[in-house]
Amino acid sequence: RFIIIREHGENTVILQMNNLKPEDAAVYFCFGSLWVHE
């Protein structure tokens, strides 16, 4: 039902959620593993 897409320009991550159900109700948190130094 869901599709995740990675856009490399700005490192945007998109989550397309289709056919949503009541049990999908929640707080959705983005996660990222980031380097802040070289």
Full PDB file with SEQRES, HELIX, SHEET, SSBOND, CRYST1, ORIGX, SCALE, CONECT and MASTER records, all heavy atoms in Angstrom:
SEQRES   1 A   38  ARG PHE ILE ILE ILE ARG GLU HIS GLY GLU ASN THR VAL          
SEQRES   2 A   38  ILE LEU GLN MET ASN ASN LEU LYS PRO GLU ASP ALA ALA          
SEQRES   3 A   38  VAL TYR PHE CYS PHE GLY SER LEU TRP VAL HIS GLU              
HELIX    1 AA1 PRO A   22  ASP A   24  5                                   3    
SHEET    1 AA1 2 PHE A   2  GLU A   7  0                                        
SHEET    2 AA1 2 THR A  12  MET A  17 -1                                        
CRYST1    1.000    1.000    1.000  90.00  90.00  90.00 P 1           1          
ORIGX1      1.000000  0.000000  0.000000        0.00000                         
ORIGX2      0.000000  1.000000  0.000000        0.00000                         
ORIGX3      0.000000  0.000000  1.000000        0.00000                         
SCALE1      1.000000  0.000000  0.000000        0.00000                         
SCALE2      0.000000  1.000000  0.000000        0.00000                         
SCALE3      0.000000  0.000000  1.000000        0.00000                         
ATOM      1  N   ARG A   1       0.795  -1.224   0.000  1.00  0.00           N  
ATOM      2  CA  ARG A   1       0.000   0.000   0.000  1.00  0.00           C  
ATOM      3  C   ARG A   1       0.828   1.275   0.000  1.00  0.00           C  
ATOM      4  O   ARG A   1       0.355   2.312  -0.464  1.00  0.00           O  
ATOM      5  CB  ARG A   1      -0.943   0.027   1.206  1.00  0.00           C  
ATOM      6  CG  ARG A   1      -1.972  -1.090   1.209  1.00  0.00           C  
ATOM      7  CD  ARG A   1      -2.923  -0.950   2.390  1.00  0.00           C  
ATOM      8  NE  ARG A   1      -2.234  -1.121   3.662  1.00  0.00           N  
ATOM      9  CZ  ARG A   1      -2.278  -0.245   4.666  1.00  0.00           C  
ATOM     10  NH1 ARG A   1      -2.990   0.872   4.545  1.00  0.00           N  
ATOM     11  NH2 ARG A   1      -1.629  -0.491   5.798  1.00  0.00           N  
ATOM     12  N   PHE A   2       2.039   1.213   0.524  1.00  0.00           N  
ATOM     13  CA  PHE A   2       2.868   2.403   0.664  1.00  0.00           C  
ATOM     14  C   PHE A   2       4.051   2.334  -0.287  1.00  0.00           C  
ATOM     15  O   PHE A   2       4.527   1.249  -0.642  1.00  0.00           O  
ATOM     16  CB  PHE A   2       3.393   2.546   2.095  1.00  0.00           C  
ATOM     17  CG  PHE A   2       2.329   2.718   3.149  1.00  0.00           C  
ATOM     18  CD1 PHE A   2       2.691   2.790   4.488  1.00  0.00           C  
ATOM     19  CD2 PHE A   2       0.992   2.814   2.823  1.00  0.00           C  
ATOM     20  CE1 PHE A   2       1.733   2.950   5.472  1.00  0.00           C  
ATOM     21  CE2 PHE A   2       0.018   2.967   3.799  1.00  0.00           C  
ATOM     22  CZ  PHE A   2       0.400   3.037   5.128  1.00  0.00           C  
ATOM     23  N   ILE A   3       4.535   3.503  -0.679  1.00  0.00           N  
ATOM     24  CA  ILE A   3       5.709   3.605  -1.529  1.00  0.00           C  
ATOM     25  C   ILE A   3       6.651   4.635  -0.929  1.00  0.00           C  
ATOM     26  O   ILE A   3       6.232   5.756  -0.628  1.00  0.00           O  
ATOM     27  CB  ILE A   3       5.342   4.011  -2.966  1.00  0.00           C  
ATOM     28  CG1 ILE A   3       4.402   2.989  -3.596  1.00  0.00           C  
ATOM     29  CG2 ILE A   3       6.612   4.150  -3.818  1.00  0.00           C  
ATOM     30  CD1 ILE A   3       3.868   3.410  -4.948  1.00  0.00           C  
ATOM     31  N   ILE A   4       7.906   4.250  -0.754  1.00  0.00           N  
ATOM     32  CA  ILE A   4       8.909   5.184  -0.280  1.00  0.00           C  
ATOM     33  C   ILE A   4       9.824   5.539  -1.447  1.00  0.00           C  
ATOM     34  O   ILE A   4      10.212   4.676  -2.235  1.00  0.00           O  
ATOM     35  CB  ILE A   4       9.703   4.635   0.913  1.00  0.00           C  
ATOM     36  CG1 ILE A   4      10.567   5.735   1.539  1.00  0.00           C  
ATOM     37  CG2 ILE A   4      10.535   3.427   0.535  1.00  0.00           C  
ATOM     38  CD1 ILE A   4      11.112   5.375   2.905  1.00  0.00           C  
ATOM     39  N   ILE A   5      10.153   6.820  -1.554  1.00  0.00           N  
ATOM     40  CA  ILE A   5      10.962   7.332  -2.657  1.00  0.00           C  
ATOM     41  C   ILE A   5      12.072   8.191  -2.084  1.00  0.00           C  
ATOM     42  O   ILE A   5      11.834   9.039  -1.223  1.00  0.00           O  
ATOM     43  CB  ILE A   5      10.114   8.146  -3.649  1.00  0.00           C  
ATOM     44  CG1 ILE A   5       8.976   7.294  -4.217  1.00  0.00           C  
ATOM     45  CG2 ILE A   5      10.987   8.685  -4.782  1.00  0.00           C  
ATOM     46  CD1 ILE A   5       7.984   8.086  -5.036  1.00  0.00           C  
ATOM     47  N   ARG A   6      13.271   7.987  -2.564  1.00  0.00           N  
ATOM     48  CA  ARG A   6      14.428   8.774  -2.159  1.00  0.00           C  
ATOM     49  C   ARG A   6      14.800   9.724  -3.294  1.00  0.00           C  
ATOM     50  O   ARG A   6      15.102   9.283  -4.403  1.00  0.00           O  
ATOM     51  CB  ARG A   6      15.599   7.858  -1.816  1.00  0.00           C  
ATOM     52  CG  ARG A   6      16.877   8.551  -1.391  1.00  0.00           C  
ATOM     53  CD  ARG A   6      16.770   9.145  -0.003  1.00  0.00           C  
ATOM     54  NE  ARG A   6      18.058   9.669   0.439  1.00  0.00           N  
ATOM     55  CZ  ARG A   6      18.923   9.022   1.198  1.00  0.00           C  
ATOM     56  NH1 ARG A   6      18.628   7.800   1.636  1.00  0.00           N  
ATOM     57  NH2 ARG A   6      20.070   9.584   1.547  1.00  0.00           N  
ATOM     58  N   GLU A   7      14.762  11.023  -3.009  1.00  0.00           N  
ATOM     59  CA  GLU A   7      15.195  12.039  -3.946  1.00  0.00           C  
ATOM     60  C   GLU A   7      16.571  12.515  -3.516  1.00  0.00           C  
ATOM     61  O   GLU A   7      16.734  13.040  -2.412  1.00  0.00           O  
ATOM     62  CB  GLU A   7      14.211  13.201  -4.004  1.00  0.00           C  
ATOM     63  CG  GLU A   7      12.843  12.819  -4.539  1.00  0.00           C  
ATOM     64  CD  GLU A   7      11.914  13.999  -4.660  1.00  0.00           C  
ATOM     65  OE1 GLU A   7      12.210  15.062  -4.067  1.00  0.00           O  
ATOM     66  OE2 GLU A   7      10.888  13.880  -5.352  1.00  0.00           O  
ATOM     67  N   HIS A   8      17.555  12.343  -4.380  1.00  0.00           N  
ATOM     68  CA  HIS A   8      18.950  12.526  -3.987  1.00  0.00           C  
ATOM     69  C   HIS A   8      19.413  13.973  -3.973  1.00  0.00           C  
ATOM     70  O   HIS A   8      20.402  14.288  -3.322  1.00  0.00           O  
ATOM     71  CB  HIS A   8      19.850  11.692  -4.893  1.00  0.00           C  
ATOM     72  CG  HIS A   8      19.610  10.228  -4.790  1.00  0.00           C  
ATOM     73  ND1 HIS A   8      20.055   9.483  -3.714  1.00  0.00           N  
ATOM     74  CD2 HIS A   8      18.962   9.366  -5.608  1.00  0.00           C  
ATOM     75  CE1 HIS A   8      19.696   8.223  -3.876  1.00  0.00           C  
ATOM     76  NE2 HIS A   8      19.029   8.126  -5.021  1.00  0.00           N  
ATOM     77  N   GLY A   9      18.731  14.861  -4.674  1.00  0.00           N  
ATOM     78  CA  GLY A   9      19.163  16.251  -4.724  1.00  0.00           C  
ATOM     79  C   GLY A   9      19.241  16.892  -3.351  1.00  0.00           C  
ATOM     80  O   GLY A   9      20.283  17.410  -2.947  1.00  0.00           O  
ATOM     81  N   GLU A  10      18.139  16.855  -2.613  1.00  0.00           N  
ATOM     82  CA  GLU A  10      18.089  17.394  -1.265  1.00  0.00           C  
ATOM     83  C   GLU A  10      17.931  16.293  -0.229  1.00  0.00           C  
ATOM     84  O   GLU A  10      17.639  16.578   0.929  1.00  0.00           O  
ATOM     85  CB  GLU A  10      16.946  18.402  -1.142  1.00  0.00           C  
ATOM     86  CG  GLU A  10      17.104  19.628  -2.029  1.00  0.00           C  
ATOM     87  CD  GLU A  10      18.279  20.481  -1.613  1.00  0.00           C  
ATOM     88  OE1 GLU A  10      18.618  20.495  -0.416  1.00  0.00           O  
ATOM     89  OE2 GLU A  10      18.872  21.132  -2.489  1.00  0.00           O  
ATOM     90  N   ASN A  11      18.114  15.052  -0.666  1.00  0.00           N  
ATOM     91  CA  ASN A  11      17.960  13.884   0.196  1.00  0.00           C  
ATOM     92  C   ASN A  11      16.573  13.800   0.816  1.00  0.00           C  
ATOM     93  O   ASN A  11      16.414  13.316   1.935  1.00  0.00           O  
ATOM     94  CB  ASN A  11      19.043  13.863   1.274  1.00  0.00           C  
ATOM     95  CG  ASN A  11      20.397  13.481   0.716  1.00  0.00           C  
ATOM     96  OD1 ASN A  11      20.605  12.338   0.312  1.00  0.00           O  
ATOM     97  ND2 ASN A  11      21.314  14.434   0.684  1.00  0.00           N  
ATOM     98  N   THR A  12      15.596  14.256   0.079  1.00  0.00           N  
ATOM     99  CA  THR A  12      14.219  14.155   0.529  1.00  0.00           C  
ATOM    100  C   THR A  12      13.731  12.715   0.434  1.00  0.00           C  
ATOM    101  O   THR A  12      14.015  12.013  -0.542  1.00  0.00           O  
ATOM    102  CB  THR A  12      13.315  15.063  -0.316  1.00  0.00           C  
ATOM    103  OG1 THR A  12      13.698  16.429  -0.119  1.00  0.00           O  
ATOM    104  CG2 THR A  12      11.850  14.900   0.065  1.00  0.00           C  
ATOM    105  N   VAL A  13      12.999  12.290   1.441  1.00  0.00           N  
ATOM    106  CA  VAL A  13      12.373  10.976   1.420  1.00  0.00           C  
ATOM    107  C   VAL A  13      10.865  11.176   1.447  1.00  0.00           C  
ATOM    108  O   VAL A  13      10.343  11.921   2.278  1.00  0.00           O  
ATOM    109  CB  VAL A  13      12.863  10.084   2.578  1.00  0.00           C  
ATOM    110  CG1 VAL A  13      12.515  10.672   3.934  1.00  0.00           C  
ATOM    111  CG2 VAL A  13      12.289   8.679   2.439  1.00  0.00           C  
ATOM    112  N   ILE A  14      10.187  10.542   0.517  1.00  0.00           N  
ATOM    113  CA  ILE A  14       8.749  10.683   0.340  1.00  0.00           C  
ATOM    114  C   ILE A  14       8.083   9.357   0.660  1.00  0.00           C  
ATOM    115  O   ILE A  14       8.538   8.304   0.219  1.00  0.00           O  
ATOM    116  CB  ILE A  14       8.404  11.116  -1.090  1.00  0.00           C  
ATOM    117  CG1 ILE A  14       9.074  12.449  -1.423  1.00  0.00           C  
ATOM    118  CG2 ILE A  14       6.896  11.198  -1.288  1.00  0.00           C  
ATOM    119  CD1 ILE A  14       8.966  12.830  -2.881  1.00  0.00           C  
ATOM    120  N   LEU A  15       7.016   9.412   1.419  1.00  0.00           N  
ATOM    121  CA  LEU A  15       6.220   8.233   1.719  1.00  0.00           C  
ATOM    122  C   LEU A  15       4.819   8.447   1.173  1.00  0.00           C  
ATOM    123  O   LEU A  15       4.065   9.264   1.702  1.00  0.00           O  
ATOM    124  CB  LEU A  15       6.169   7.963   3.224  1.00  0.00           C  
ATOM    125  CG  LEU A  15       5.408   6.698   3.642  1.00  0.00           C  
ATOM    126  CD1 LEU A  15       6.153   5.451   3.172  1.00  0.00           C  
ATOM    127  CD2 LEU A  15       5.198   6.664   5.155  1.00  0.00           C  
ATOM    128  N   GLN A  16       4.485   7.731   0.113  1.00  0.00           N  
ATOM    129  CA  GLN A  16       3.153   7.756  -0.460  1.00  0.00           C  
ATOM    130  C   GLN A  16       2.338   6.644   0.183  1.00  0.00           C  
ATOM    131  O   GLN A  16       2.670   5.474   0.052  1.00  0.00           O  
ATOM    132  CB  GLN A  16       3.207   7.578  -1.974  1.00  0.00           C  
ATOM    133  CG  GLN A  16       3.948   8.686  -2.708  1.00  0.00           C  
ATOM    134  CD  GLN A  16       4.011   8.451  -4.200  1.00  0.00           C  
ATOM    135  OE1 GLN A  16       3.648   7.394  -4.705  1.00  0.00           O  
ATOM    136  NE2 GLN A  16       4.470   9.462  -4.930  1.00  0.00           N  
ATOM    137  N   MET A  17       1.279   7.026   0.879  1.00  0.00           N  
ATOM    138  CA  MET A  17       0.438   6.074   1.583  1.00  0.00           C  
ATOM    139  C   MET A  17      -0.914   6.006   0.892  1.00  0.00           C  
ATOM    140  O   MET A  17      -1.614   7.014   0.784  1.00  0.00           O  
ATOM    141  CB  MET A  17       0.281   6.478   3.051  1.00  0.00           C  
ATOM    142  CG  MET A  17       1.604   6.587   3.795  1.00  0.00           C  
ATOM    143  SD  MET A  17       1.388   6.889   5.570  1.00  0.00           S  
ATOM    144  CE  MET A  17       0.712   8.554   5.518  1.00  0.00           C  
ATOM    145  N   ASN A  18      -1.270   4.817   0.434  1.00  0.00           N  
ATOM    146  CA  ASN A  18      -2.515   4.591  -0.279  1.00  0.00           C  
ATOM    147  C   ASN A  18      -3.393   3.603   0.480  1.00  0.00           C  
ATOM    148  O   ASN A  18      -2.908   2.804   1.276  1.00  0.00           O  
ATOM    149  CB  ASN A  18      -2.232   4.063  -1.683  1.00  0.00           C  
ATOM    150  CG  ASN A  18      -1.334   4.969  -2.487  1.00  0.00           C  
ATOM    151  OD1 ASN A  18      -1.624   6.153  -2.655  1.00  0.00           O  
ATOM    152  ND2 ASN A  18      -0.229   4.421  -2.998  1.00  0.00           N  
ATOM    153  N   ASN A  19      -4.688   3.659   0.184  1.00  0.00           N  
ATOM    154  CA  ASN A  19      -5.656   2.765   0.815  1.00  0.00           C  
ATOM    155  C   ASN A  19      -5.485   2.749   2.331  1.00  0.00           C  
ATOM    156  O   ASN A  19      -5.374   1.688   2.962  1.00  0.00           O  
ATOM    157  CB  ASN A  19      -5.535   1.354   0.243  1.00  0.00           C  
ATOM    158  CG  ASN A  19      -6.677   0.456   0.648  1.00  0.00           C  
ATOM    159  OD1 ASN A  19      -7.764   0.920   0.981  1.00  0.00           O  
ATOM    160  ND2 ASN A  19      -6.433  -0.858   0.630  1.00  0.00           N  
ATOM    161  N   LEU A  20      -5.477   3.921   2.909  1.00  0.00           N  
ATOM    162  CA  LEU A  20      -5.249   4.041   4.341  1.00  0.00           C  
ATOM    163  C   LEU A  20      -6.398   3.433   5.136  1.00  0.00           C  
ATOM    164  O   LEU A  20      -7.564   3.520   4.749  1.00  0.00           O  
ATOM    165  CB  LEU A  20      -5.053   5.502   4.722  1.00  0.00           C  
ATOM    166  CG  LEU A  20      -3.678   6.069   4.346  1.00  0.00           C  
ATOM    167  CD1 LEU A  20      -3.698   7.590   4.353  1.00  0.00           C  
ATOM    168  CD2 LEU A  20      -2.616   5.538   5.300  1.00  0.00           C  
ATOM    169  N   LYS A  21      -6.039   2.825   6.251  1.00  0.00           N  
ATOM    170  CA  LYS A  21      -6.984   2.175   7.136  1.00  0.00           C  
ATOM    171  C   LYS A  21      -6.949   2.839   8.500  1.00  0.00           C  
ATOM    172  O   LYS A  21      -5.960   3.486   8.856  1.00  0.00           O  
ATOM    173  CB  LYS A  21      -6.642   0.687   7.266  1.00  0.00           C  
ATOM    174  CG  LYS A  21      -6.578  -0.051   5.940  1.00  0.00           C  
ATOM    175  CD  LYS A  21      -6.112  -1.484   6.130  1.00  0.00           C  
ATOM    176  CE  LYS A  21      -6.031  -2.209   4.797  1.00  0.00           C  
ATOM    177  NZ  LYS A  21      -5.559  -3.610   4.975  1.00  0.00           N  
ATOM    178  N   PRO A  22      -8.023   2.690   9.285  1.00  0.00           N  
ATOM    179  CA  PRO A  22      -8.020   3.299  10.621  1.00  0.00           C  
ATOM    180  C   PRO A  22      -6.820   2.881  11.465  1.00  0.00           C  
ATOM    181  O   PRO A  22      -6.316   3.694  12.247  1.00  0.00           O  
ATOM    182  CB  PRO A  22      -9.337   2.801  11.231  1.00  0.00           C  
ATOM    183  CG  PRO A  22     -10.235   2.611  10.055  1.00  0.00           C  
ATOM    184  CD  PRO A  22      -9.336   2.103   8.957  1.00  0.00           C  
ATOM    185  N   GLU A  23      -6.353   1.657  11.303  1.00  0.00           N  
ATOM    186  CA  GLU A  23      -5.208   1.200  12.072  1.00  0.00           C  
ATOM    187  C   GLU A  23      -3.900   1.855  11.646  1.00  0.00           C  
ATOM    188  O   GLU A  23      -2.878   1.682  12.314  1.00  0.00           O  
ATOM    189  CB  GLU A  23      -5.076  -0.324  11.995  1.00  0.00           C  
ATOM    190  CG  GLU A  23      -5.082  -0.873  10.575  1.00  0.00           C  
ATOM    191  CD  GLU A  23      -6.453  -1.364  10.148  1.00  0.00           C  
ATOM    192  OE1 GLU A  23      -7.448  -0.684  10.480  1.00  0.00           O  
ATOM    193  OE2 GLU A  23      -6.531  -2.419   9.495  1.00  0.00           O  
ATOM    194  N   ASP A  24      -3.908   2.596  10.542  1.00  0.00           N  
ATOM    195  CA  ASP A  24      -2.730   3.349  10.127  1.00  0.00           C  
ATOM    196  C   ASP A  24      -2.594   4.664  10.876  1.00  0.00           C  
ATOM    197  O   ASP A  24      -1.557   5.327  10.751  1.00  0.00           O  
ATOM    198  CB  ASP A  24      -2.768   3.632   8.623  1.00  0.00           C  
ATOM    199  CG  ASP A  24      -2.646   2.376   7.788  1.00  0.00           C  
ATOM    200  OD1 ASP A  24      -1.824   1.506   8.135  1.00  0.00           O  
ATOM    201  OD2 ASP A  24      -3.365   2.274   6.780  1.00  0.00           O  
ATOM    202  N   ALA A  25      -3.611   5.065  11.604  1.00  0.00           N  
ATOM    203  CA  ALA A  25      -3.564   6.322  12.333  1.00  0.00           C  
ATOM    204  C   ALA A  25      -2.450   6.279  13.370  1.00  0.00           C  
ATOM    205  O   ALA A  25      -2.364   5.345  14.176  1.00  0.00           O  
ATOM    206  CB  ALA A  25      -4.900   6.610  13.001  1.00  0.00           C  
ATOM    207  N   ALA A  26      -1.591   7.269  13.345  1.00  0.00           N  
ATOM    208  CA  ALA A  26      -0.445   7.316  14.236  1.00  0.00           C  
ATOM    209  C   ALA A  26       0.300   8.622  14.007  1.00  0.00           C  
ATOM    210  O   ALA A  26      -0.001   9.371  13.078  1.00  0.00           O  
ATOM    211  CB  ALA A  26       0.497   6.129  13.985  1.00  0.00           C  
ATOM    212  N   VAL A  27       1.276   8.875  14.858  1.00  0.00           N  
ATOM    213  CA  VAL A  27       2.239   9.925  14.593  1.00  0.00           C  
ATOM    214  C   VAL A  27       3.368   9.312  13.786  1.00  0.00           C  
ATOM    215  O   VAL A  27       3.962   8.311  14.196  1.00  0.00           O  
ATOM    216  CB  VAL A  27       2.781  10.561  15.885  1.00  0.00           C  
ATOM    217  CG1 VAL A  27       3.836  11.611  15.559  1.00  0.00           C  
ATOM    218  CG2 VAL A  27       1.642  11.190  16.680  1.00  0.00           C  
ATOM    219  N   TYR A  28       3.652   9.884  12.644  1.00  0.00           N  
ATOM    220  CA  TYR A  28       4.688   9.373  11.762  1.00  0.00           C  
ATOM    221  C   TYR A  28       5.947  10.220  11.930  1.00  0.00           C  
ATOM    222  O   TYR A  28       5.902  11.447  11.838  1.00  0.00           O  
ATOM    223  CB  TYR A  28       4.216   9.395  10.308  1.00  0.00           C  
ATOM    224  CG  TYR A  28       3.248   8.281   9.987  1.00  0.00           C  
ATOM    225  CD1 TYR A  28       1.961   8.274  10.521  1.00  0.00           C  
ATOM    226  CD2 TYR A  28       3.619   7.226   9.159  1.00  0.00           C  
ATOM    227  CE1 TYR A  28       1.080   7.246  10.252  1.00  0.00           C  
ATOM    228  CE2 TYR A  28       2.743   6.200   8.881  1.00  0.00           C  
ATOM    229  CZ  TYR A  28       1.477   6.202   9.421  1.00  0.00           C  
ATOM    230  OH  TYR A  28       0.604   5.179   9.139  1.00  0.00           O  
ATOM    231  N   PHE A  29       7.066   9.539  12.158  1.00  0.00           N  
ATOM    232  CA  PHE A  29       8.339  10.192  12.419  1.00  0.00           C  
ATOM    233  C   PHE A  29       9.320   9.907  11.293  1.00  0.00           C  
ATOM    234  O   PHE A  29       9.522   8.751  10.922  1.00  0.00           O  
ATOM    235  CB  PHE A  29       8.953   9.704  13.735  1.00  0.00           C  
ATOM    236  CG  PHE A  29       8.152  10.052  14.956  1.00  0.00           C  
ATOM    237  CD1 PHE A  29       7.187   9.195  15.441  1.00  0.00           C  
ATOM    238  CD2 PHE A  29       8.380  11.244  15.625  1.00  0.00           C  
ATOM    239  CE1 PHE A  29       6.451   9.499  16.569  1.00  0.00           C  
ATOM    240  CE2 PHE A  29       7.652  11.567  16.761  1.00  0.00           C  
ATOM    241  CZ  PHE A  29       6.684  10.694  17.229  1.00  0.00           C  
ATOM    242  N   CYS A  30       9.923  10.949  10.791  1.00  0.00           N  
ATOM    243  CA  CYS A  30      11.003  10.784   9.832  1.00  0.00           C  
ATOM    244  C   CYS A  30      12.276  10.399  10.558  1.00  0.00           C  
ATOM    245  O   CYS A  30      12.565  10.915  11.638  1.00  0.00           O  
ATOM    246  CB  CYS A  30      11.214  12.075   9.043  1.00  0.00           C  
ATOM    247  SG  CYS A  30      12.540  11.985   7.805  1.00  0.00           S  
ATOM    248  N   PHE A  31      13.039   9.494   9.963  1.00  0.00           N  
ATOM    249  CA  PHE A  31      14.322   9.052  10.501  1.00  0.00           C  
ATOM    250  C   PHE A  31      15.417   9.314   9.476  1.00  0.00           C  
ATOM    251  O   PHE A  31      15.218   9.095   8.284  1.00  0.00           O  
ATOM    252  CB  PHE A  31      14.273   7.561  10.841  1.00  0.00           C  
ATOM    253  CG  PHE A  31      15.635   6.956  11.040  1.00  0.00           C  
ATOM    254  CD1 PHE A  31      16.296   7.072  12.249  1.00  0.00           C  
ATOM    255  CD2 PHE A  31      16.256   6.275  10.008  1.00  0.00           C  
ATOM    256  CE1 PHE A  31      17.552   6.515  12.437  1.00  0.00           C  
ATOM    257  CE2 PHE A  31      17.512   5.709  10.175  1.00  0.00           C  
ATOM    258  CZ  PHE A  31      18.157   5.839  11.399  1.00  0.00           C  
ATOM    259  N   GLY A  32      16.562   9.756   9.963  1.00  0.00           N  
ATOM    260  CA  GLY A  32      17.697   9.945   9.084  1.00  0.00           C  
ATOM    261  C   GLY A  32      19.002   9.667   9.800  1.00  0.00           C  
ATOM    262  O   GLY A  32      19.183  10.036  10.963  1.00  0.00           O  
ATOM    263  N   SER A  33      19.909   8.998   9.102  1.00  0.00           N  
ATOM    264  CA  SER A  33      21.264   8.773   9.585  1.00  0.00           C  
ATOM    265  C   SER A  33      22.161   9.792   8.887  1.00  0.00           C  
ATOM    266  O   SER A  33      22.377   9.702   7.679  1.00  0.00           O  
ATOM    267  CB  SER A  33      21.706   7.343   9.281  1.00  0.00           C  
ATOM    268  OG  SER A  33      23.016   7.103   9.760  1.00  0.00           O  
ATOM    269  N   LEU A  34      22.651  10.769   9.643  1.00  0.00           N  
ATOM    270  CA  LEU A  34      23.315  11.928   9.060  1.00  0.00           C  
ATOM    271  C   LEU A  34      24.745  12.069   9.561  1.00  0.00           C  
ATOM    272  O   LEU A  34      25.029  11.853  10.733  1.00  0.00           O  
ATOM    273  CB  LEU A  34      22.551  13.213   9.392  1.00  0.00           C  
ATOM    274  CG  LEU A  34      21.043  13.222   9.140  1.00  0.00           C  
ATOM    275  CD1 LEU A  34      20.454  14.569   9.541  1.00  0.00           C  
ATOM    276  CD2 LEU A  34      20.736  12.929   7.681  1.00  0.00           C  
ATOM    277  N   TRP A  35      25.636  12.457   8.635  1.00  0.00           N  
ATOM    278  CA  TRP A  35      26.985  12.882   8.989  1.00  0.00           C  
ATOM    279  C   TRP A  35      26.991  14.400   9.065  1.00  0.00           C  
ATOM    280  O   TRP A  35      26.650  15.086   8.095  1.00  0.00           O  
ATOM    281  CB  TRP A  35      27.995  12.428   7.941  1.00  0.00           C  
ATOM    282  CG  TRP A  35      28.445  11.003   8.023  1.00  0.00           C  
ATOM    283  CD1 TRP A  35      29.577  10.544   8.620  1.00  0.00           C  
ATOM    284  CD2 TRP A  35      27.803   9.865   7.446  1.00  0.00           C  
ATOM    285  NE1 TRP A  35      29.675   9.179   8.467  1.00  0.00           N  
ATOM    286  CE2 TRP A  35      28.603   8.733   7.746  1.00  0.00           C  
ATOM    287  CE3 TRP A  35      26.633   9.684   6.706  1.00  0.00           C  
ATOM    288  CZ2 TRP A  35      28.263   7.444   7.338  1.00  0.00           C  
ATOM    289  CZ3 TRP A  35      26.287   8.402   6.307  1.00  0.00           C  
ATOM    290  CH2 TRP A  35      27.104   7.311   6.625  1.00  0.00           C  
ATOM    291  N   VAL A  36      27.416  14.953  10.188  1.00  0.00           N  
ATOM    292  CA  VAL A  36      27.541  16.395  10.325  1.00  0.00           C  
ATOM    293  C   VAL A  36      28.986  16.842  10.194  1.00  0.00           C  
ATOM    294  O   VAL A  36      29.263  18.039  10.170  1.00  0.00           O  
ATOM    295  CB  VAL A  36      26.954  16.885  11.656  1.00  0.00           C  
ATOM    296  CG1 VAL A  36      25.464  16.604  11.699  1.00  0.00           C  
ATOM    297  CG2 VAL A  36      27.653  16.221  12.833  1.00  0.00           C  
ATOM    298  N   HIS A  37      29.915  15.896  10.091  1.00  0.00           N  
ATOM    299  CA  HIS A  37      31.323  16.164   9.855  1.00  0.00           C  
ATOM    300  C   HIS A  37      31.821  15.256   8.753  1.00  0.00           C  
ATOM    301  O   HIS A  37      31.227  14.211   8.478  1.00  0.00           O  
ATOM    302  CB  HIS A  37      32.161  15.970  11.125  1.00  0.00           C  
ATOM    303  CG  HIS A  37      31.735  16.814  12.269  1.00  0.00           C  
ATOM    304  ND1 HIS A  37      31.948  18.173  12.311  1.00  0.00           N  
ATOM    305  CD2 HIS A  37      31.091  16.493  13.422  1.00  0.00           C  
ATOM    306  CE1 HIS A  37      31.459  18.656  13.443  1.00  0.00           C  
ATOM    307  NE2 HIS A  37      30.942  17.657  14.122  1.00  0.00           N  
ATOM    308  N   GLU A  38      32.954  15.652   8.149  1.00  0.00           N  
ATOM    309  CA  GLU A  38      33.502  14.885   7.041  1.00  0.00           C  
ATOM    310  C   GLU A  38      33.897  13.482   7.479  1.00  0.00           C  
ATOM    311  O   GLU A  38      33.742  12.515   6.728  1.00  0.00           O  
ATOM    312  CB  GLU A  38      34.705  15.613   6.442  1.00  0.00           C  
ATOM    313  CG  GLU A  38      35.334  14.888   5.261  1.00  0.00           C  
ATOM    314  CD  GLU A  38      36.506  15.642   4.680  1.00  0.00           C  
ATOM    315  OE1 GLU A  38      36.793  16.758   5.167  1.00  0.00           O  
ATOM    316  OE2 GLU A  38      37.140  15.138   3.733  1.00  0.00           O  
TER     317      GLU A  38                                                      
MASTER        0    0    0    1    2    0    0    6  316    1    0    3          
END                                                                             
